[in-house]
Amino acid sequence: MLDARKAAILRVVVEEYIETAQPVGSATVARVPELAVSSATVRNEMGVLEREGFLVQPYTSAGRIPTDKGYRFFVDSLSRPGSLGPTQSQQVREFFANAHGELETMLHDTSRLLSNLTDCAAVVVAPSHEVASILSIQLLARGPRSALLVVVLSNAGVERRSFELSDEVTDAELGATTTHLSRFLVGTAFAAGAVVPVPASGDPVVDSLAHMVMTSLHGGPGHVHDLDSVFVGGTARMAAAFDAIGTIRQVLTILEQQFVLVSLLQDVLNRGLSVAIGTEHGVIPLADCSVVVAPYTVEGEPAGTVGVLGPTRMHYEQALAAVAVVSQRLGKALTEG
């Protein structure tokens, strides 16, 4: 634990470095009226903070910059996440007031909204089908020998399958197949391998169509997931956040690896954290980055995750506020359909 004066000095250094990206000297800190101490006193206290691992001096005669430990103390000392400004709050309200239509589009646009709010790269993980159940299922005609299957899920996801048929089918036959499938599938789990068997109806056309649908849902030929699992917005902002080309390349590479992103966000949440700073998250190529993350729920059940990835000198209060608001509003929008 730090005494009040050291904590106040550390807070000033962190806030100043976040704003300027330049090492912070004792004279700069001493000018803060609330501290009411001399530059010499600040210099001595900054030396103690450096020895205790909260600050580091990047080169001789320079000021200090925060370490991961310094950022962690700063984040943990925040009394609340902060709040969005009036312009940002209006931006969020207008976005979700008009966020309708395809789930994929909404999640992609949400990632761009979050990136704009935080000036970081934003990640939105789509609702997992592993916890979803089937709300409705419908087989529609696309042509004389073409059909479209639409499955609406409890997590607001929509699965689609297109089928080419060997024989022409009528709207009545597709409707009968929809009714037959709905009788046995609505309310059941959609997780891979969990789709329940559907008994024969006695109608050869209906049974043939139903078999085709069930083969697709079980992962057979023609099985295609239209819904991407991760949506990333604002990658260009990450490129602008670092000077070292090698760091930029590593960060952009990670942002292209969906499995790594999903695992990273989930691991942070599993450890009971909302913020992982620098090396805390364990992904070495992102050692110069911090992650702010929050889950969102649909119908009261955990559905997916939103988060931002930025340099360790990100605006933590702003990022925490934006992630909290967007995760809440996204979950509400998906619940209300």
C-alpha atoms as a PDB file:
ATOM      1  CA  MET A   1       0.000   0.000   0.000  1.00  0.00           C
ATOM      2  CA  LEU A   2       1.107   3.554  -0.696  1.00  0.00           C
ATOM      3  CA  ASP A   3       0.577   6.509   1.586  1.00  0.00           C
ATOM      4  CA  ALA A   4      -1.718   9.274   0.383  1.00  0.00           C
ATOM      5  CA  ARG A   5       1.028  11.503  -1.019  1.00  0.00           C
ATOM      6  CA  LYS A   6       2.753   8.769  -3.017  1.00  0.00           C
ATOM      7  CA  ALA A   7      -0.611   7.584  -4.312  1.00  0.00           C
ATOM      8  CA  ALA A   8      -1.497  11.116  -5.410  1.00  0.00           C
ATOM      9  CA  ILE A   9       1.859  11.583  -7.144  1.00  0.00           C
ATOM     10  CA  LEU A  10       1.530   8.247  -8.920  1.00  0.00           C
ATOM     11  CA  ARG A  11      -1.959   9.165 -10.077  1.00  0.00           C
ATOM     12  CA  VAL A  12      -0.689  12.456 -11.517  1.00  0.00           C
ATOM     13  CA  VAL A  13       2.167  10.689 -13.329  1.00  0.00           C
ATOM     14  CA  VAL A  14      -0.184   8.107 -14.826  1.00  0.00           C
ATOM     15  CA  GLU A  15      -2.734  10.684 -15.953  1.00  0.00           C
ATOM     16  CA  GLU A  16      -0.063  12.976 -17.412  1.00  0.00           C
ATOM     17  CA  TYR A  17       1.658  10.141 -19.251  1.00  0.00           C
ATOM     18  CA  ILE A  18      -1.644   8.898 -20.680  1.00  0.00           C
ATOM     19  CA  GLU A  19      -2.274  12.379 -22.066  1.00  0.00           C
ATOM     20  CA  THR A  20       1.189  13.189 -23.401  1.00  0.00           C
ATOM     21  CA  ALA A  21       3.020   9.866 -23.933  1.00  0.00           C
ATOM     22  CA  GLN A  22       6.101  11.679 -22.593  1.00  0.00           C
ATOM     23  CA  PRO A  23       8.087  10.880 -19.409  1.00  0.00           C
ATOM     24  CA  VAL A  24       6.798  12.988 -16.524  1.00  0.00           C
ATOM     25  CA  GLY A  25       9.230  15.101 -14.512  1.00  0.00           C
ATOM     26  CA  SER A  26       8.986  16.196 -10.894  1.00  0.00           C
ATOM     27  CA  ALA A  27       8.487  19.848 -11.876  1.00  0.00           C
ATOM     28  CA  THR A  28       5.377  18.922 -13.865  1.00  0.00           C
ATOM     29  CA  VAL A  29       3.927  16.991 -10.932  1.00  0.00           C
ATOM     30  CA  ALA A  30       4.751  19.725  -8.441  1.00  0.00           C
ATOM     31  CA  ARG A  31       2.693  22.212 -10.435  1.00  0.00           C
ATOM     32  CA  VAL A  32      -0.497  20.317  -9.553  1.00  0.00           C
ATOM     33  CA  PRO A  33      -2.168  22.561  -6.919  1.00  0.00           C
ATOM     34  CA  GLU A  34      -3.756  19.716  -4.981  1.00  0.00           C
ATOM     35  CA  LEU A  35      -0.363  18.267  -4.014  1.00  0.00           C
ATOM     36  CA  ALA A  36       1.049  21.438  -2.442  1.00  0.00           C
ATOM     37  CA  VAL A  37       4.593  20.054  -2.227  1.00  0.00           C
ATOM     38  CA  SER A  38       7.936  21.154  -3.609  1.00  0.00           C
ATOM     39  CA  SER A  39       9.612  19.763  -6.695  1.00  0.00           C
ATOM     40  CA  ALA A  40      12.357  18.294  -4.477  1.00  0.00           C
ATOM     41  CA  THR A  41       9.788  16.437  -2.372  1.00  0.00           C
ATOM     42  CA  VAL A  42       8.103  15.102  -5.509  1.00  0.00           C
ATOM     43  CA  ARG A  43      11.472  14.009  -6.876  1.00  0.00           C
ATOM     44  CA  ASN A  44      12.237  12.047  -3.687  1.00  0.00           C
ATOM     45  CA  GLU A  45       8.805  10.400  -3.666  1.00  0.00           C
ATOM     46  CA  MET A  46       9.122   9.485  -7.346  1.00  0.00           C
ATOM     47  CA  GLY A  47      12.448   7.843  -6.519  1.00  0.00           C
ATOM     48  CA  VAL A  48      10.711   5.722  -3.897  1.00  0.00           C
ATOM     49  CA  LEU A  49       7.937   4.828  -6.350  1.00  0.00           C
ATOM     50  CA  GLU A  50      10.584   3.772  -8.848  1.00  0.00           C
ATOM     51  CA  ARG A  51      12.386   1.561  -6.321  1.00  0.00           C
ATOM     52  CA  GLU A  52       9.067  -0.057  -5.416  1.00  0.00           C
ATOM     53  CA  GLY A  53       8.320  -0.844  -9.075  1.00  0.00           C
ATOM     54  CA  PHE A  54       5.498   1.615  -9.767  1.00  0.00           C
ATOM     55  CA  LEU A  55       7.521   3.900 -12.031  1.00  0.00           C
ATOM     56  CA  VAL A  56      10.509   3.538 -14.303  1.00  0.00           C
ATOM     57  CA  GLN A  57      12.983   6.036 -15.758  1.00  0.00           C
ATOM     58  CA  PRO A  58      13.371   5.193 -19.467  1.00  0.00           C
ATOM     59  CA  TYR A  59      16.764   6.926 -19.706  1.00  0.00           C
ATOM     60  CA  THR A  60      19.074   9.079 -17.594  1.00  0.00           C
ATOM     61  CA  SER A  61      17.813  12.570 -16.745  1.00  0.00           C
ATOM     62  CA  ALA A  62      14.339  11.732 -18.086  1.00  0.00           C
ATOM     63  CA  GLY A  63      11.150  11.860 -16.126  1.00  0.00           C
ATOM     64  CA  ARG A  64       9.306   8.697 -15.117  1.00  0.00           C
ATOM     65  CA  ILE A  65       6.680   6.594 -16.794  1.00  0.00           C
ATOM     66  CA  PRO A  66       4.293   4.099 -15.170  1.00  0.00           C
ATOM     67  CA  THR A  67       5.015   0.371 -15.097  1.00  0.00           C
ATOM     68  CA  ASP A  68       2.319  -2.295 -15.326  1.00  0.00           C
ATOM     69  CA  LYS A  69       2.311  -2.255 -11.525  1.00  0.00           C
ATOM     70  CA  GLY A  70       1.774   1.505 -11.562  1.00  0.00           C
ATOM     71  CA  TYR A  71      -1.137   1.222 -13.978  1.00  0.00           C
ATOM     72  CA  ARG A  72      -2.614  -1.577 -11.870  1.00  0.00           C
ATOM     73  CA  PHE A  73      -2.536   0.596  -8.742  1.00  0.00           C
ATOM     74  CA  PHE A  74      -4.140   3.425 -10.709  1.00  0.00           C
ATOM     75  CA  VAL A  75      -6.940   1.215 -12.080  1.00  0.00           C
ATOM     76  CA  ASP A  76      -7.608  -0.450  -8.732  1.00  0.00           C
ATOM     77  CA  SER A  77      -7.856   2.958  -7.041  1.00  0.00           C
ATOM     78  CA  LEU A  78     -10.613   4.146  -9.367  1.00  0.00           C
ATOM     79  CA  SER A  79     -13.748   4.544  -7.304  1.00  0.00           C
ATOM     80  CA  ARG A  80     -15.976   3.896 -10.331  1.00  0.00           C
ATOM     81  CA  PRO A  81     -15.554   3.216 -14.048  1.00  0.00           C
ATOM     82  CA  GLY A  82     -16.249   6.837 -14.946  1.00  0.00           C
ATOM     83  CA  SER A  83     -18.991   7.968 -17.273  1.00  0.00           C
ATOM     84  CA  LEU A  84     -19.322   8.849 -20.916  1.00  0.00           C
ATOM     85  CA  GLY A  85     -19.510  12.482 -21.900  1.00  0.00           C
ATOM     86  CA  PRO A  86     -22.721  13.967 -23.291  1.00  0.00           C
ATOM     87  CA  THR A  87     -21.591  13.600 -26.922  1.00  0.00           C
ATOM     88  CA  GLN A  88     -20.555   9.971 -26.450  1.00  0.00           C
ATOM     89  CA  SER A  89     -23.748   9.134 -24.541  1.00  0.00           C
ATOM     90  CA  GLN A  90     -25.820  10.609 -27.369  1.00  0.00           C
ATOM     91  CA  GLN A  91     -23.790   8.599 -29.870  1.00  0.00           C
ATOM     92  CA  VAL A  92     -24.585   5.366 -27.993  1.00  0.00           C
ATOM     93  CA  ARG A  93     -28.288   6.207 -27.687  1.00  0.00           C
ATOM     94  CA  GLU A  94     -28.604   6.984 -31.382  1.00  0.00           C
ATOM     95  CA  PHE A  95     -26.698   3.855 -32.378  1.00  0.00           C
ATOM     96  CA  PHE A  96     -28.870   1.430 -30.422  1.00  0.00           C
ATOM     97  CA  ALA A  97     -32.068   3.283 -31.335  1.00  0.00           C
ATOM     98  CA  ASN A  98     -31.291   2.420 -34.962  1.00  0.00           C
ATOM     99  CA  ALA A  99     -29.525  -0.937 -34.460  1.00  0.00           C
ATOM    100  CA  HIS A 100     -31.907  -3.367 -36.108  1.00  0.00           C
ATOM    101  CA  GLY A 101     -31.660  -6.143 -38.652  1.00  0.00           C
ATOM    102  CA  GLU A 102     -29.009  -8.798 -39.088  1.00  0.00           C
ATOM    103  CA  LEU A 103     -27.116  -9.847 -35.958  1.00  0.00           C
ATOM    104  CA  GLU A 104     -23.811  -9.950 -37.842  1.00  0.00           C
ATOM    105  CA  THR A 105     -24.267  -6.363 -38.983  1.00  0.00           C
ATOM    106  CA  MET A 106     -25.193  -5.200 -35.493  1.00  0.00           C
ATOM    107  CA  LEU A 107     -22.155  -6.834 -33.899  1.00  0.00           C
ATOM    108  CA  HIS A 108     -19.808  -5.502 -36.570  1.00  0.00           C
ATOM    109  CA  ASP A 109     -21.211  -1.997 -36.174  1.00  0.00           C
ATOM    110  CA  THR A 110     -21.017  -2.303 -32.375  1.00  0.00           C
ATOM    111  CA  SER A 111     -17.289  -3.020 -32.604  1.00  0.00           C
ATOM    112  CA  ARG A 112     -16.825   0.143 -34.668  1.00  0.00           C
ATOM    113  CA  LEU A 113     -18.924   2.158 -32.188  1.00  0.00           C
ATOM    114  CA  LEU A 114     -16.811   0.941 -29.263  1.00  0.00           C
ATOM    115  CA  SER A 115     -13.609   1.706 -31.136  1.00  0.00           C
ATOM    116  CA  ASN A 116     -14.810   5.239 -31.845  1.00  0.00           C
ATOM    117  CA  LEU A 117     -15.692   5.752 -28.175  1.00  0.00           C
ATOM    118  CA  THR A 118     -12.321   4.582 -26.856  1.00  0.00           C
ATOM    119  CA  ASP A 119      -9.855   5.209 -29.700  1.00  0.00           C
ATOM    120  CA  CYS A 120      -8.749   1.576 -29.275  1.00  0.00           C
ATOM    121  CA  ALA A 121      -9.313  -1.619 -31.198  1.00  0.00           C
ATOM    122  CA  ALA A 122     -12.650  -3.108 -30.162  1.00  0.00           C
ATOM    123  CA  VAL A 123     -13.660  -6.764 -30.069  1.00  0.00           C
ATOM    124  CA  VAL A 124     -17.208  -8.151 -29.950  1.00  0.00           C
ATOM    125  CA  VAL A 125     -17.589 -11.902 -29.482  1.00  0.00           C
ATOM    126  CA  ALA A 126     -20.855 -13.205 -30.906  1.00  0.00           C
ATOM    127  CA  PRO A 127     -23.291 -15.191 -28.784  1.00  0.00           C
ATOM    128  CA  SER A 128     -22.191 -18.797 -28.419  1.00  0.00           C
ATOM    129  CA  HIS A 129     -24.474 -21.419 -29.922  1.00  0.00           C
ATOM    130  CA  GLU A 130     -23.322 -23.820 -27.216  1.00  0.00           C
ATOM    131  CA  VAL A 131     -25.812 -22.240 -24.798  1.00  0.00           C
ATOM    132  CA  ALA A 132     -28.535 -21.415 -27.322  1.00  0.00           C
ATOM    133  CA  SER A 133     -31.853 -23.131 -27.926  1.00  0.00           C
ATOM    134  CA  ILE A 134     -34.009 -23.037 -31.052  1.00  0.00           C
ATOM    135  CA  LEU A 135     -36.779 -20.425 -30.967  1.00  0.00           C
ATOM    136  CA  SER A 136     -38.107 -21.011 -34.452  1.00  0.00           C
ATOM    137  CA  ILE A 137     -37.267 -22.924 -37.609  1.00  0.00           C
ATOM    138  CA  GLN A 138     -38.561 -22.271 -41.100  1.00  0.00           C
ATOM    139  CA  LEU A 139     -37.957 -23.727 -44.562  1.00  0.00           C
ATOM    140  CA  LEU A 140     -38.594 -21.244 -47.378  1.00  0.00           C
ATOM    141  CA  ALA A 141     -38.612 -21.497 -51.165  1.00  0.00           C
ATOM    142  CA  ARG A 142     -35.882 -19.669 -53.072  1.00  0.00           C
ATOM    143  CA  GLY A 143     -36.821 -21.137 -56.422  1.00  0.00           C
ATOM    144  CA  PRO A 144     -38.428 -24.268 -57.898  1.00  0.00           C
ATOM    145  CA  ARG A 145     -35.496 -26.407 -56.769  1.00  0.00           C
ATOM    146  CA  SER A 146     -33.888 -24.263 -54.122  1.00  0.00           C
ATOM    147  CA  ALA A 147     -34.767 -23.773 -50.439  1.00  0.00           C
ATOM    148  CA  LEU A 148     -33.507 -21.709 -47.507  1.00  0.00           C
ATOM    149  CA  LEU A 149     -33.532 -22.890 -43.895  1.00  0.00           C
ATOM    150  CA  VAL A 150     -33.705 -20.148 -41.239  1.00  0.00           C
ATOM    151  CA  VAL A 151     -33.164 -21.060 -37.575  1.00  0.00           C
ATOM    152  CA  VAL A 152     -33.661 -18.322 -34.964  1.00  0.00           C
ATOM    153  CA  LEU A 153     -31.857 -18.947 -31.672  1.00  0.00           C
ATOM    154  CA  SER A 154     -32.484 -17.838 -28.103  1.00  0.00           C
ATOM    155  CA  ASN A 155     -29.196 -15.896 -28.028  1.00  0.00           C
ATOM    156  CA  ALA A 156     -30.392 -13.689 -30.917  1.00  0.00           C
ATOM    157  CA  GLY A 157     -28.311 -15.626 -33.424  1.00  0.00           C
ATOM    158  CA  VAL A 158     -29.668 -16.707 -36.782  1.00  0.00           C
ATOM    159  CA  GLU A 159     -28.409 -19.756 -38.678  1.00  0.00           C
ATOM    160  CA  ARG A 160     -29.095 -20.146 -42.381  1.00  0.00           C
ATOM    161  CA  ARG A 161     -28.618 -23.031 -44.775  1.00  0.00           C
ATOM    162  CA  SER A 162     -29.193 -23.007 -48.535  1.00  0.00           C
ATOM    163  CA  PHE A 163     -30.203 -26.219 -50.290  1.00  0.00           C
ATOM    164  CA  GLU A 164     -30.319 -27.260 -53.911  1.00  0.00           C
ATOM    165  CA  LEU A 165     -33.096 -29.830 -54.424  1.00  0.00           C
ATOM    166  CA  SER A 166     -33.190 -32.686 -56.915  1.00  0.00           C
ATOM    167  CA  ASP A 167     -36.937 -32.265 -57.468  1.00  0.00           C
ATOM    168  CA  GLU A 168     -39.335 -29.363 -57.407  1.00  0.00           C
ATOM    169  CA  VAL A 169     -41.226 -28.831 -54.147  1.00  0.00           C
ATOM    170  CA  THR A 170     -44.292 -26.765 -53.400  1.00  0.00           C
ATOM    171  CA  ASP A 171     -44.795 -24.101 -50.730  1.00  0.00           C
ATOM    172  CA  ALA A 172     -47.256 -26.485 -49.071  1.00  0.00           C
ATOM    173  CA  GLU A 173     -44.599 -29.211 -48.812  1.00  0.00           C
ATOM    174  CA  LEU A 174     -42.089 -26.765 -47.374  1.00  0.00           C
ATOM    175  CA  GLY A 175     -44.727 -25.542 -44.915  1.00  0.00           C
ATOM    176  CA  ALA A 176     -45.541 -29.110 -43.850  1.00  0.00           C
ATOM    177  CA  THR A 177     -41.835 -29.780 -43.314  1.00  0.00           C
ATOM    178  CA  THR A 178     -41.498 -26.581 -41.241  1.00  0.00           C
ATOM    179  CA  THR A 179     -44.431 -27.658 -39.051  1.00  0.00           C
ATOM    180  CA  HIS A 180     -43.008 -31.154 -38.608  1.00  0.00           C
ATOM    181  CA  LEU A 181     -39.519 -29.928 -37.696  1.00  0.00           C
ATOM    182  CA  SER A 182     -40.838 -27.230 -35.363  1.00  0.00           C
ATOM    183  CA  ARG A 183     -42.847 -29.802 -33.405  1.00  0.00           C
ATOM    184  CA  PHE A 184     -39.665 -31.606 -32.348  1.00  0.00           C
ATOM    185  CA  LEU A 185     -36.915 -28.967 -32.494  1.00  0.00           C
ATOM    186  CA  VAL A 186     -38.302 -25.721 -31.034  1.00  0.00           C
ATOM    187  CA  GLY A 187     -37.033 -25.317 -27.470  1.00  0.00           C
ATOM    188  CA  THR A 188     -34.206 -27.837 -27.845  1.00  0.00           C
ATOM    189  CA  ALA A 189     -30.459 -27.087 -27.656  1.00  0.00           C
ATOM    190  CA  PHE A 190     -28.656 -26.034 -30.790  1.00  0.00           C
ATOM    191  CA  ALA A 191     -25.158 -27.014 -29.590  1.00  0.00           C
ATOM    192  CA  ALA A 192     -23.086 -29.142 -31.940  1.00  0.00           C
ATOM    193  CA  GLY A 193     -24.142 -32.759 -31.687  1.00  0.00           C
ATOM    194  CA  ALA A 194     -27.111 -31.909 -29.479  1.00  0.00           C
ATOM    195  CA  VAL A 195     -29.806 -31.589 -32.157  1.00  0.00           C
ATOM    196  CA  VAL A 196     -32.508 -34.113 -31.277  1.00  0.00           C
ATOM    197  CA  PRO A 197     -33.614 -36.766 -33.805  1.00  0.00           C
ATOM    198  CA  VAL A 198     -36.847 -36.101 -35.674  1.00  0.00           C
ATOM    199  CA  PRO A 199     -39.077 -39.140 -36.284  1.00  0.00           C
ATOM    200  CA  ALA A 200     -40.601 -39.861 -39.672  1.00  0.00           C
ATOM    201  CA  SER A 201     -43.852 -38.141 -40.597  1.00  0.00           C
ATOM    202  CA  GLY A 202     -45.046 -40.734 -43.089  1.00  0.00           C
ATOM    203  CA  ASP A 203     -44.921 -38.247 -45.969  1.00  0.00           C
ATOM    204  CA  PRO A 204     -41.991 -39.138 -48.281  1.00  0.00           C
ATOM    205  CA  VAL A 205     -41.380 -35.540 -49.407  1.00  0.00           C
ATOM    206  CA  VAL A 206     -41.538 -34.122 -45.876  1.00  0.00           C
ATOM    207  CA  ASP A 207     -39.269 -36.879 -44.568  1.00  0.00           C
ATOM    208  CA  SER A 208     -36.763 -36.316 -47.355  1.00  0.00           C
ATOM    209  CA  LEU A 209     -36.639 -32.585 -46.701  1.00  0.00           C
ATOM    210  CA  ALA A 210     -36.442 -33.124 -42.932  1.00  0.00           C
ATOM    211  CA  HIS A 211     -33.545 -35.564 -43.389  1.00  0.00           C
ATOM    212  CA  MET A 212     -31.713 -32.991 -45.491  1.00  0.00           C
ATOM    213  CA  VAL A 213     -32.221 -30.328 -42.800  1.00  0.00           C
ATOM    214  CA  MET A 214     -31.144 -32.589 -39.938  1.00  0.00           C
ATOM    215  CA  THR A 215     -28.028 -33.701 -41.802  1.00  0.00           C
ATOM    216  CA  SER A 216     -27.051 -30.062 -42.205  1.00  0.00           C
ATOM    217  CA  LEU A 217     -27.768 -29.165 -38.567  1.00  0.00           C
ATOM    218  CA  HIS A 218     -25.701 -32.116 -37.375  1.00  0.00           C
ATOM    219  CA  GLY A 219     -22.718 -30.843 -39.353  1.00  0.00           C
ATOM    220  CA  GLY A 220     -23.002 -32.956 -42.451  1.00  0.00           C
ATOM    221  CA  PRO A 221     -22.384 -31.916 -46.056  1.00  0.00           C
ATOM    222  CA  GLY A 222     -23.482 -28.351 -46.708  1.00  0.00           C
ATOM    223  CA  HIS A 223     -23.016 -27.374 -43.072  1.00  0.00           C
ATOM    224  CA  VAL A 224     -21.972 -23.726 -43.054  1.00  0.00           C
ATOM    225  CA  HIS A 225     -21.927 -21.238 -40.186  1.00  0.00           C
ATOM    226  CA  ASP A 226     -22.833 -17.858 -41.634  1.00  0.00           C
ATOM    227  CA  LEU A 227     -22.213 -16.087 -38.328  1.00  0.00           C
ATOM    228  CA  ASP A 228     -18.619 -15.137 -37.640  1.00  0.00           C
ATOM    229  CA  SER A 229     -17.624 -15.557 -34.003  1.00  0.00           C
ATOM    230  CA  VAL A 230     -15.568 -12.389 -33.555  1.00  0.00           C
ATOM    231  CA  PHE A 231     -15.945  -8.856 -34.885  1.00  0.00           C
ATOM    232  CA  VAL A 232     -13.007  -6.462 -34.640  1.00  0.00           C
ATOM    233  CA  GLY A 233     -13.196  -2.726 -35.239  1.00  0.00           C
ATOM    234  CA  GLY A 234     -10.553  -0.019 -35.223  1.00  0.00           C
ATOM    235  CA  THR A 235      -7.423  -2.026 -36.003  1.00  0.00           C
ATOM    236  CA  ALA A 236      -5.913   1.052 -37.668  1.00  0.00           C
ATOM    237  CA  ARG A 237      -6.083   2.840 -34.327  1.00  0.00           C
ATOM    238  CA  MET A 238      -3.753   0.236 -32.854  1.00  0.00           C
ATOM    239  CA  ALA A 239      -1.238   0.816 -35.629  1.00  0.00           C
ATOM    240  CA  ALA A 240      -1.231   4.508 -34.737  1.00  0.00           C
ATOM    241  CA  ALA A 241      -0.743   3.797 -31.012  1.00  0.00           C
ATOM    242  CA  PHE A 242       2.791   2.385 -31.268  1.00  0.00           C
ATOM    243  CA  ASP A 243       6.040   3.665 -32.723  1.00  0.00           C
ATOM    244  CA  ALA A 244       7.832   0.309 -33.066  1.00  0.00           C
ATOM    245  CA  ILE A 245       7.001  -1.445 -36.341  1.00  0.00           C
ATOM    246  CA  GLY A 246       7.646  -4.842 -34.741  1.00  0.00           C
ATOM    247  CA  THR A 247       5.089  -4.156 -32.005  1.00  0.00           C
ATOM    248  CA  ILE A 248       2.503  -2.984 -34.536  1.00  0.00           C
ATOM    249  CA  ARG A 249       3.015  -6.129 -36.613  1.00  0.00           C
ATOM    250  CA  GLN A 250       2.609  -8.409 -33.572  1.00  0.00           C
ATOM    251  CA  VAL A 251      -0.532  -6.642 -32.391  1.00  0.00           C
ATOM    252  CA  LEU A 252      -2.177  -6.711 -35.816  1.00  0.00           C
ATOM    253  CA  THR A 253      -1.329 -10.400 -36.188  1.00  0.00           C
ATOM    254  CA  ILE A 254      -3.071 -11.214 -32.901  1.00  0.00           C
ATOM    255  CA  LEU A 255      -6.124  -9.199 -33.944  1.00  0.00           C
ATOM    256  CA  GLU A 256      -6.470 -11.517 -36.942  1.00  0.00           C
ATOM    257  CA  GLN A 257      -6.470 -14.659 -34.777  1.00  0.00           C
ATOM    258  CA  GLN A 258     -10.032 -15.147 -33.591  1.00  0.00           C
ATOM    259  CA  PHE A 259      -9.325 -18.075 -31.293  1.00  0.00           C
ATOM    260  CA  VAL A 260      -6.596 -16.136 -29.476  1.00  0.00           C
ATOM    261  CA  LEU A 261      -8.878 -13.110 -29.033  1.00  0.00           C
ATOM    262  CA  VAL A 262     -11.784 -15.160 -27.678  1.00  0.00           C
ATOM    263  CA  SER A 263      -9.480 -17.067 -25.313  1.00  0.00           C
ATOM    264  CA  LEU A 264      -7.855 -13.839 -24.130  1.00  0.00           C
ATOM    265  CA  LEU A 265     -11.130 -12.114 -23.266  1.00  0.00           C
ATOM    266  CA  GLN A 266     -12.586 -15.213 -21.623  1.00  0.00           C
ATOM    267  CA  ASP A 267      -9.454 -15.803 -19.562  1.00  0.00           C
ATOM    268  CA  VAL A 268      -9.562 -12.244 -18.217  1.00  0.00           C
ATOM    269  CA  LEU A 269     -13.198 -12.706 -17.183  1.00  0.00           C
ATOM    270  CA  ASN A 270     -12.517 -16.144 -15.686  1.00  0.00           C
ATOM    271  CA  ARG A 271      -9.936 -14.569 -13.403  1.00  0.00           C
ATOM    272  CA  GLY A 272     -12.543 -12.141 -12.127  1.00  0.00           C
ATOM    273  CA  LEU A 273     -10.974  -9.148 -13.854  1.00  0.00           C
ATOM    274  CA  SER A 274     -12.373  -6.404 -16.034  1.00  0.00           C
ATOM    275  CA  VAL A 275      -8.929  -5.033 -16.881  1.00  0.00           C
ATOM    276  CA  ALA A 276      -5.712  -6.914 -17.710  1.00  0.00           C
ATOM    277  CA  ILE A 277      -2.617  -4.724 -18.000  1.00  0.00           C
ATOM    278  CA  GLY A 278       0.502  -5.526 -20.008  1.00  0.00           C
ATOM    279  CA  THR A 279       1.942  -8.894 -19.111  1.00  0.00           C
ATOM    280  CA  GLU A 280      -0.985  -9.703 -16.770  1.00  0.00           C
ATOM    281  CA  HIS A 281      -2.971 -11.275 -19.601  1.00  0.00           C
ATOM    282  CA  GLY A 282      -0.137 -13.643 -20.524  1.00  0.00           C
ATOM    283  CA  VAL A 283      -0.154 -13.042 -24.292  1.00  0.00           C
ATOM    284  CA  ILE A 284       3.485 -12.121 -24.893  1.00  0.00           C
ATOM    285  CA  PRO A 285       3.010 -10.319 -28.245  1.00  0.00           C
ATOM    286  CA  LEU A 286       0.537  -8.018 -26.460  1.00  0.00           C
ATOM    287  CA  ALA A 287       2.849  -7.188 -23.548  1.00  0.00           C
ATOM    288  CA  ASP A 288       2.562  -3.470 -24.389  1.00  0.00           C
ATOM    289  CA  CYS A 289      -1.248  -3.628 -24.453  1.00  0.00           C
ATOM    290  CA  SER A 290      -4.079  -3.638 -21.954  1.00  0.00           C
ATOM    291  CA  VAL A 291      -7.504  -5.241 -22.270  1.00  0.00           C
ATOM    292  CA  VAL A 292     -10.797  -3.967 -20.851  1.00  0.00           C
ATOM    293  CA  VAL A 293     -13.620  -6.495 -21.079  1.00  0.00           C
ATOM    294  CA  ALA A 294     -17.220  -7.094 -20.017  1.00  0.00           C
ATOM    295  CA  PRO A 295     -19.757  -9.845 -20.746  1.00  0.00           C
ATOM    296  CA  TYR A 296     -23.229  -9.224 -22.123  1.00  0.00           C
ATOM    297  CA  THR A 297     -26.359 -11.263 -21.525  1.00  0.00           C
ATOM    298  CA  VAL A 298     -29.366 -12.180 -23.645  1.00  0.00           C
ATOM    299  CA  GLU A 299     -32.594 -13.178 -21.898  1.00  0.00           C
ATOM    300  CA  GLY A 300     -30.640 -13.063 -18.640  1.00  0.00           C
ATOM    301  CA  GLU A 301     -28.143 -15.698 -19.802  1.00  0.00           C
ATOM    302  CA  PRO A 302     -24.435 -15.126 -20.591  1.00  0.00           C
ATOM    303  CA  ALA A 303     -24.149 -14.696 -24.336  1.00  0.00           C
ATOM    304  CA  GLY A 304     -20.933 -13.042 -25.482  1.00  0.00           C
ATOM    305  CA  THR A 305     -18.228 -10.546 -24.681  1.00  0.00           C
ATOM    306  CA  VAL A 306     -17.188  -7.035 -25.632  1.00  0.00           C
ATOM    307  CA  GLY A 307     -13.798  -5.535 -25.002  1.00  0.00           C
ATOM    308  CA  VAL A 308     -11.190  -3.060 -26.114  1.00  0.00           C
ATOM    309  CA  LEU A 309      -7.507  -3.600 -26.745  1.00  0.00           C
ATOM    310  CA  GLY A 310      -5.176  -0.640 -26.541  1.00  0.00           C
ATOM    311  CA  PRO A 311      -1.745   0.479 -25.364  1.00  0.00           C
ATOM    312  CA  THR A 312      -1.073   0.288 -21.639  1.00  0.00           C
ATOM    313  CA  ARG A 313      -1.343   4.082 -21.581  1.00  0.00           C
ATOM    314  CA  MET A 314      -5.020   3.933 -22.612  1.00  0.00           C
ATOM    315  CA  HIS A 315      -7.661   6.105 -20.944  1.00  0.00           C
ATOM    316  CA  TYR A 316      -8.830   3.449 -18.463  1.00  0.00           C
ATOM    317  CA  GLU A 317     -11.749   5.379 -16.992  1.00  0.00           C
ATOM    318  CA  GLN A 318     -13.138   6.118 -20.446  1.00  0.00           C
ATOM    319  CA  ALA A 319     -12.559   2.559 -21.648  1.00  0.00           C
ATOM    320  CA  LEU A 320     -14.242   1.033 -18.589  1.00  0.00           C
ATOM    321  CA  ALA A 321     -17.237   3.350 -18.981  1.00  0.00           C
ATOM    322  CA  ALA A 322     -17.599   2.655 -22.703  1.00  0.00           C
ATOM    323  CA  VAL A 323     -17.285  -1.118 -22.362  1.00  0.00           C
ATOM    324  CA  ALA A 324     -19.789  -1.175 -19.486  1.00  0.00           C
ATOM    325  CA  VAL A 325     -22.382   0.914 -21.331  1.00  0.00           C
ATOM    326  CA  VAL A 326     -22.015  -0.845 -24.678  1.00  0.00           C
ATOM    327  CA  SER A 327     -22.170  -4.343 -23.158  1.00  0.00           C
ATOM    328  CA  GLN A 328     -25.346  -3.430 -21.269  1.00  0.00           C
ATOM    329  CA  ARG A 329     -27.033  -1.789 -24.254  1.00  0.00           C
ATOM    330  CA  LEU A 330     -26.022  -4.591 -26.635  1.00  0.00           C
ATOM    331  CA  GLY A 331     -27.478  -7.253 -24.336  1.00  0.00           C
ATOM    332  CA  LYS A 332     -30.696  -5.264 -23.987  1.00  0.00           C
ATOM    333  CA  ALA A 333     -30.983  -4.764 -27.747  1.00  0.00           C
ATOM    334  CA  LEU A 334     -30.492  -8.472 -28.456  1.00  0.00           C
ATOM    335  CA  THR A 335     -32.956  -9.476 -25.732  1.00  0.00           C
ATOM    336  CA  GLU A 336     -35.622  -7.175 -27.132  1.00  0.00           C
ATOM    337  CA  GLY A 337     -34.942  -8.452 -30.645  1.00  0.00           C
END
